[in-house]
Amino acid sequence: MPGFHISDQQVFLFMTHRRQHTQAVAAAKAGISERSARRIEQDPRLPSQKKLPRHWRTRADPLHAIWPRVEELLKIDGIIAVTIFETLQDEFGEDAVPDKVRRTLERRISRWRALHGGEKEIFFPQIHEPGR
């Protein structure tokens, strides 16, 4: 049917029926068009395997203007994301840094620390077994 995406289940059903039937019959039994059946036979991957992750932004970055200041604050050892957020609201005002971008800022800080942050503390837990 036009306008509907083909599911993995329909592809699997088509391929199963295709073993015993013609392309047109197997497509009809799977509920897809013959044209879609030809496409499936050329590339037998499931639709869920064909999707590529998007590499572009869908909306404007709300932290673009304040990110250089965030990076300066991240150089302070032990500072947490909520403290950075409150500092930004004090400096730039709540209009420039609204409450709704707090979680976005926390995620961005977490990603920045994973890529550019300092080394993690190494911890070797000691296990004391009874009787040893």
C-alpha atoms as a PDB file:
ATOM      1  CA  MET A   1       0.000   0.000   0.000  1.00  0.00           C
ATOM      2  CA  PRO A   2       1.388   3.408  -0.853  1.00  0.00           C
ATOM      3  CA  GLY A   3       2.317   5.609   2.054  1.00  0.00           C
ATOM      4  CA  PHE A   4       3.058   2.780   4.491  1.00  0.00           C
ATOM      5  CA  HIS A   5       6.514   1.527   5.393  1.00  0.00           C
ATOM      6  CA  ILE A   6       7.305  -2.138   4.949  1.00  0.00           C
ATOM      7  CA  SER A   7       7.950  -3.902   8.246  1.00  0.00           C
ATOM      8  CA  ASP A   8      10.538  -6.556   9.032  1.00  0.00           C
ATOM      9  CA  GLN A   9       7.705  -9.022   9.508  1.00  0.00           C
ATOM     10  CA  GLN A  10       6.380  -8.385   5.980  1.00  0.00           C
ATOM     11  CA  VAL A  11       9.849  -8.909   4.483  1.00  0.00           C
ATOM     12  CA  PHE A  12      10.258 -12.148   6.426  1.00  0.00           C
ATOM     13  CA  LEU A  13       6.796 -13.284   5.329  1.00  0.00           C
ATOM     14  CA  PHE A  14       7.569 -12.419   1.690  1.00  0.00           C
ATOM     15  CA  MET A  15      10.859 -14.335   1.758  1.00  0.00           C
ATOM     16  CA  THR A  16       9.138 -17.332   3.334  1.00  0.00           C
ATOM     17  CA  HIS A  17       6.366 -17.412   0.688  1.00  0.00           C
ATOM     18  CA  ARG A  18       8.865 -16.755  -2.086  1.00  0.00           C
ATOM     19  CA  ARG A  19      10.336 -20.235  -1.640  1.00  0.00           C
ATOM     20  CA  GLN A  20       7.152 -21.883  -2.970  1.00  0.00           C
ATOM     21  CA  HIS A  21       5.425 -19.129  -4.961  1.00  0.00           C
ATOM     22  CA  THR A  22       6.122 -16.589  -7.672  1.00  0.00           C
ATOM     23  CA  GLN A  23       7.192 -13.090  -6.817  1.00  0.00           C
ATOM     24  CA  ALA A  24       3.718 -11.647  -7.439  1.00  0.00           C
ATOM     25  CA  VAL A  25       1.931 -14.252  -5.302  1.00  0.00           C
ATOM     26  CA  ALA A  26       4.448 -14.014  -2.440  1.00  0.00           C
ATOM     27  CA  ALA A  27       4.160 -10.203  -2.484  1.00  0.00           C
ATOM     28  CA  ALA A  28       0.376 -10.374  -2.376  1.00  0.00           C
ATOM     29  CA  LYS A  29       0.471 -12.808   0.555  1.00  0.00           C
ATOM     30  CA  ALA A  30       2.885 -10.515   2.430  1.00  0.00           C
ATOM     31  CA  GLY A  31       0.746  -7.442   1.702  1.00  0.00           C
ATOM     32  CA  ILE A  32       3.337  -5.553  -0.350  1.00  0.00           C
ATOM     33  CA  SER A  33       3.514  -4.476  -3.978  1.00  0.00           C
ATOM     34  CA  GLU A  34       5.419  -6.330  -6.688  1.00  0.00           C
ATOM     35  CA  ARG A  35       7.739  -3.350  -7.033  1.00  0.00           C
ATOM     36  CA  SER A  36       8.613  -3.574  -3.339  1.00  0.00           C
ATOM     37  CA  ALA A  37       9.138  -7.309  -3.749  1.00  0.00           C
ATOM     38  CA  ARG A  38      11.677  -6.675  -6.527  1.00  0.00           C
ATOM     39  CA  ARG A  39      13.477  -4.194  -4.273  1.00  0.00           C
ATOM     40  CA  ILE A  40      13.534  -6.715  -1.418  1.00  0.00           C
ATOM     41  CA  GLU A  41      15.012  -9.404  -3.662  1.00  0.00           C
ATOM     42  CA  GLN A  42      17.766  -7.051  -4.811  1.00  0.00           C
ATOM     43  CA  ASP A  43      18.666  -6.114  -1.217  1.00  0.00           C
ATOM     44  CA  PRO A  44      17.430  -8.778   1.223  1.00  0.00           C
ATOM     45  CA  ARG A  45      18.351  -6.833   4.388  1.00  0.00           C
ATOM     46  CA  LEU A  46      15.486  -6.107   6.772  1.00  0.00           C
ATOM     47  CA  PRO A  47      14.152  -2.521   6.818  1.00  0.00           C
ATOM     48  CA  SER A  48      15.381  -2.063  10.397  1.00  0.00           C
ATOM     49  CA  GLN A  49      18.934  -2.812   9.224  1.00  0.00           C
ATOM     50  CA  LYS A  50      18.866  -0.235   6.404  1.00  0.00           C
ATOM     51  CA  LYS A  51      18.272   2.880   8.492  1.00  0.00           C
ATOM     52  CA  LEU A  52      21.306   5.115   8.807  1.00  0.00           C
ATOM     53  CA  PRO A  53      21.761   7.428  11.766  1.00  0.00           C
ATOM     54  CA  ARG A  54      21.203  11.048  10.962  1.00  0.00           C
ATOM     55  CA  HIS A  55      24.295  13.280  11.017  1.00  0.00           C
ATOM     56  CA  TRP A  56      22.574  16.653  10.920  1.00  0.00           C
ATOM     57  CA  ARG A  57      20.758  18.670  13.560  1.00  0.00           C
ATOM     58  CA  THR A  58      16.991  18.995  13.345  1.00  0.00           C
ATOM     59  CA  ARG A  59      16.797  22.210  15.380  1.00  0.00           C
ATOM     60  CA  ALA A  60      19.065  25.055  16.382  1.00  0.00           C
ATOM     61  CA  ASP A  61      21.549  24.367  19.175  1.00  0.00           C
ATOM     62  CA  PRO A  62      20.250  26.141  22.324  1.00  0.00           C
ATOM     63  CA  LEU A  63      23.724  26.076  23.914  1.00  0.00           C
ATOM     64  CA  HIS A  64      25.709  27.445  20.972  1.00  0.00           C
ATOM     65  CA  ALA A  65      26.110  30.977  22.351  1.00  0.00           C
ATOM     66  CA  ILE A  66      27.057  29.923  25.897  1.00  0.00           C
ATOM     67  CA  TRP A  67      29.192  26.831  25.248  1.00  0.00           C
ATOM     68  CA  PRO A  68      32.595  28.660  25.401  1.00  0.00           C
ATOM     69  CA  ARG A  69      31.730  29.800  28.949  1.00  0.00           C
ATOM     70  CA  VAL A  70      30.671  26.231  29.832  1.00  0.00           C
ATOM     71  CA  GLU A  71      34.067  24.937  28.717  1.00  0.00           C
ATOM     72  CA  GLU A  72      35.770  27.521  30.940  1.00  0.00           C
ATOM     73  CA  LEU A  73      33.681  26.367  33.897  1.00  0.00           C
ATOM     74  CA  LEU A  74      34.430  22.713  33.154  1.00  0.00           C
ATOM     75  CA  LYS A  75      38.111  23.354  33.845  1.00  0.00           C
ATOM     76  CA  ILE A  76      37.206  23.822  37.531  1.00  0.00           C
ATOM     77  CA  ASP A  77      37.839  20.480  39.210  1.00  0.00           C
ATOM     78  CA  GLY A  78      34.793  18.807  40.774  1.00  0.00           C
ATOM     79  CA  ILE A  79      32.121  21.197  39.457  1.00  0.00           C
ATOM     80  CA  ILE A  80      28.787  19.554  38.689  1.00  0.00           C
ATOM     81  CA  ALA A  81      26.404  20.271  35.826  1.00  0.00           C
ATOM     82  CA  VAL A  82      23.673  21.835  37.977  1.00  0.00           C
ATOM     83  CA  THR A  83      26.165  24.332  39.404  1.00  0.00           C
ATOM     84  CA  ILE A  84      27.264  25.253  35.877  1.00  0.00           C
ATOM     85  CA  PHE A  85      23.626  25.671  34.855  1.00  0.00           C
ATOM     86  CA  GLU A  86      22.861  27.963  37.794  1.00  0.00           C
ATOM     87  CA  THR A  87      26.015  29.991  37.130  1.00  0.00           C
ATOM     88  CA  LEU A  88      25.011  30.441  33.491  1.00  0.00           C
ATOM     89  CA  GLN A  89      21.534  31.577  34.500  1.00  0.00           C
ATOM     90  CA  ASP A  90      23.064  34.133  36.876  1.00  0.00           C
ATOM     91  CA  GLU A  91      25.483  35.439  34.235  1.00  0.00           C
ATOM     92  CA  PHE A  92      23.335  35.374  31.092  1.00  0.00           C
ATOM     93  CA  GLY A  93      19.841  35.550  32.585  1.00  0.00           C
ATOM     94  CA  GLU A  94      16.984  33.079  32.439  1.00  0.00           C
ATOM     95  CA  ASP A  95      15.976  34.288  28.971  1.00  0.00           C
ATOM     96  CA  ALA A  96      19.284  33.155  27.431  1.00  0.00           C
ATOM     97  CA  VAL A  97      19.440  29.952  29.503  1.00  0.00           C
ATOM     98  CA  PRO A  98      15.872  28.750  30.162  1.00  0.00           C
ATOM     99  CA  ASP A  99      15.080  25.913  32.578  1.00  0.00           C
ATOM    100  CA  LYS A 100      14.142  23.578  29.731  1.00  0.00           C
ATOM    101  CA  VAL A 101      17.768  23.323  28.483  1.00  0.00           C
ATOM    102  CA  ARG A 102      19.113  21.997  31.793  1.00  0.00           C
ATOM    103  CA  ARG A 103      18.937  18.339  30.807  1.00  0.00           C
ATOM    104  CA  THR A 104      20.446  19.125  27.391  1.00  0.00           C
ATOM    105  CA  LEU A 105      23.317  20.866  29.155  1.00  0.00           C
ATOM    106  CA  GLU A 106      23.802  17.895  31.493  1.00  0.00           C
ATOM    107  CA  ARG A 107      23.993  15.490  28.545  1.00  0.00           C
ATOM    108  CA  ARG A 108      26.406  17.745  26.662  1.00  0.00           C
ATOM    109  CA  ILE A 109      28.640  18.083  29.746  1.00  0.00           C
ATOM    110  CA  SER A 110      28.616  14.322  30.235  1.00  0.00           C
ATOM    111  CA  ARG A 111      29.646  13.799  26.602  1.00  0.00           C
ATOM    112  CA  TRP A 112      32.357  16.488  26.881  1.00  0.00           C
ATOM    113  CA  ARG A 113      33.788  14.886  30.037  1.00  0.00           C
ATOM    114  CA  ALA A 114      33.883  11.495  28.351  1.00  0.00           C
ATOM    115  CA  LEU A 115      35.849  12.898  25.415  1.00  0.00           C
ATOM    116  CA  HIS A 116      37.946  15.692  26.930  1.00  0.00           C
ATOM    117  CA  GLY A 117      37.734  15.332  30.701  1.00  0.00           C
ATOM    118  CA  GLY A 118      40.425  14.154  33.058  1.00  0.00           C
ATOM    119  CA  GLU A 119      41.335  10.583  33.844  1.00  0.00           C
ATOM    120  CA  LYS A 120      38.973   8.583  35.989  1.00  0.00           C
ATOM    121  CA  GLU A 121      40.090   7.568  39.435  1.00  0.00           C
ATOM    122  CA  ILE A 122      41.270   3.962  39.547  1.00  0.00           C
ATOM    123  CA  PHE A 123      39.716   1.962  42.332  1.00  0.00           C
ATOM    124  CA  PHE A 124      40.635  -1.591  43.304  1.00  0.00           C
ATOM    125  CA  PRO A 125      38.009  -2.936  45.683  1.00  0.00           C
ATOM    126  CA  GLN A 126      39.313  -5.236  48.398  1.00  0.00           C
ATOM    127  CA  ILE A 127      37.255  -8.286  49.080  1.00  0.00           C
ATOM    128  CA  HIS A 128      37.707  -9.742  52.538  1.00  0.00           C
ATOM    129  CA  GLU A 129      36.450 -13.298  52.654  1.00  0.00           C
ATOM    130  CA  PRO A 130      35.580 -14.663  56.092  1.00  0.00           C
ATOM    131  CA  GLY A 131      38.221 -17.047  57.485  1.00  0.00           C
ATOM    132  CA  ARG A 132      41.104 -15.819  55.329  1.00  0.00           C
END
